[in-house]
Amino acid sequence: MNPATLQLLAKFRKLSGRQGRPFDVMRFVEDAAYARECLALTLNTEDEELLLVGLQLQQAMGLSRPTATPSPTATASPPPAAEPPATPHNTYIGRLR
């Protein structure tokens, strides 16, 4: 884990303690479900600094929720049929002089 992420964890722990929420750093690092739960609680806080640190930590740890990607439509039209490539001996190049 890089030093910037460790600093965010320390700041998150301090700010969570001020809000009266216990925070276990080791469990946060090892258990992704616990980490997501802790970060979800920060989204409902009034403390802007805690919210900002929580979002930064979420991004640094790669715990952001995956975005829904639209599925390809079932009635997608097939690609247009490509013309066969012309062979060099059958194409007219033009006058060479």
Protein backbone atom coordinates (compact mmCIF):
# COMPACT_ATOMS: atom_id res chain seq x y z
CA MET A 1 0.00 0.00 0.00
CA ASN A 2 1.41 3.37 -0.93
CA PRO A 3 2.10 6.13 1.62
CA ALA A 4 -0.66 8.39 0.28
CA THR A 5 -3.27 5.68 0.90
CA LEU A 6 -1.91 5.09 4.40
CA GLN A 7 -2.20 8.80 5.14
CA LEU A 8 -5.80 8.76 3.92
CA LEU A 9 -6.53 5.77 6.17
CA ALA A 10 -5.07 7.56 9.19
CA LYS A 11 -7.07 10.70 8.46
CA PHE A 12 -10.23 8.67 7.88
CA ARG A 13 -9.73 6.88 11.21
CA LYS A 14 -9.25 10.18 13.05
CA LEU A 15 -12.30 11.81 11.47
CA SER A 16 -14.47 8.72 12.02
CA GLY A 17 -13.49 8.74 15.69
CA ARG A 18 -14.61 12.34 15.99
CA GLN A 19 -18.02 11.31 14.63
CA GLY A 20 -18.25 8.53 17.23
CA ARG A 21 -17.85 5.72 14.71
CA PRO A 22 -15.35 3.01 15.58
CA PHE A 23 -12.98 2.16 12.75
CA ASP A 24 -10.70 -0.88 12.48
CA VAL A 25 -7.90 -0.21 9.99
CA MET A 26 -6.77 -3.84 9.65
CA ARG A 27 -10.31 -5.06 9.05
CA PHE A 28 -10.86 -2.24 6.56
CA VAL A 29 -7.80 -3.34 4.56
CA GLU A 30 -8.58 -7.08 4.70
CA ASP A 31 -12.39 -7.14 4.40
CA ALA A 32 -13.82 -5.43 1.30
CA ALA A 33 -17.41 -5.69 2.60
CA TYR A 34 -16.47 -3.88 5.83
CA ALA A 35 -14.58 -1.26 3.82
CA ARG A 36 -17.59 -0.62 1.58
CA GLU A 37 -19.86 -0.41 4.63
CA CYS A 38 -17.59 2.17 6.31
CA LEU A 39 -17.33 4.20 3.14
CA ALA A 40 -21.11 4.06 2.61
CA LEU A 41 -21.61 5.55 6.08
CA THR A 42 -19.39 8.49 5.15
CA LEU A 43 -21.67 9.37 2.25
CA ASN A 44 -24.42 10.20 4.75
CA THR A 45 -22.32 12.46 6.95
CA GLU A 46 -22.57 16.21 7.46
CA ASP A 47 -18.79 16.52 7.84
CA GLU A 48 -17.41 17.66 4.49
CA GLU A 49 -13.83 16.72 5.33
CA LEU A 50 -14.84 13.16 6.24
CA LEU A 51 -16.86 12.90 3.05
CA LEU A 52 -13.95 14.11 0.94
CA VAL A 53 -11.46 11.76 2.60
CA GLY A 54 -13.91 8.88 2.24
CA LEU A 55 -14.31 9.49 -1.47
CA GLN A 56 -10.54 9.78 -1.96
CA LEU A 57 -10.00 6.58 0.00
CA GLN A 58 -12.68 4.81 -2.01
CA GLN A 59 -10.92 5.76 -5.22
CA ALA A 60 -7.44 4.92 -3.90
CA MET A 61 -8.52 1.48 -2.68
CA GLY A 62 -10.44 0.71 -5.87
CA LEU A 63 -13.68 0.18 -3.99
CA SER A 64 -15.89 2.34 -6.14
CA ARG A 65 -18.98 0.63 -7.36
CA PRO A 66 -18.80 -0.59 -10.95
CA THR A 67 -20.87 1.44 -13.33
CA ALA A 68 -23.58 -0.32 -15.25
CA THR A 69 -22.68 -0.73 -18.86
CA PRO A 70 -25.49 -0.91 -21.37
CA SER A 71 -25.81 -4.32 -22.91
CA PRO A 72 -25.72 -4.57 -26.68
CA THR A 73 -29.16 -4.73 -28.21
CA ALA A 74 -30.37 -8.10 -29.35
CA THR A 75 -31.69 -6.70 -32.62
CA ALA A 76 -28.43 -5.15 -33.71
CA SER A 77 -28.08 -5.19 -37.44
CA PRO A 78 -25.29 -7.34 -38.83
CA PRO A 79 -22.32 -5.50 -40.28
CA PRO A 80 -22.64 -4.70 -43.97
CA ALA A 81 -21.14 -7.22 -46.32
CA ALA A 82 -17.73 -6.07 -47.40
CA GLU A 83 -16.77 -6.17 -51.02
CA PRO A 84 -14.00 -8.61 -51.78
CA PRO A 85 -10.66 -6.87 -52.14
CA ALA A 86 -9.63 -6.24 -55.71
CA THR A 87 -6.63 -8.19 -56.86
CA PRO A 88 -3.82 -6.15 -58.40
CA HIS A 89 -3.88 -7.98 -61.74
CA ASN A 90 -7.59 -7.25 -62.31
CA THR A 91 -7.62 -3.53 -61.57
CA TYR A 92 -7.03 -0.85 -64.15
CA ILE A 93 -4.26 1.43 -62.96
CA GLY A 94 -4.48 3.89 -65.77
CA ARG A 95 -2.14 5.08 -68.35
CA LEU A 96 1.44 4.74 -67.18
CA ARG A 97 2.89 7.37 -69.52
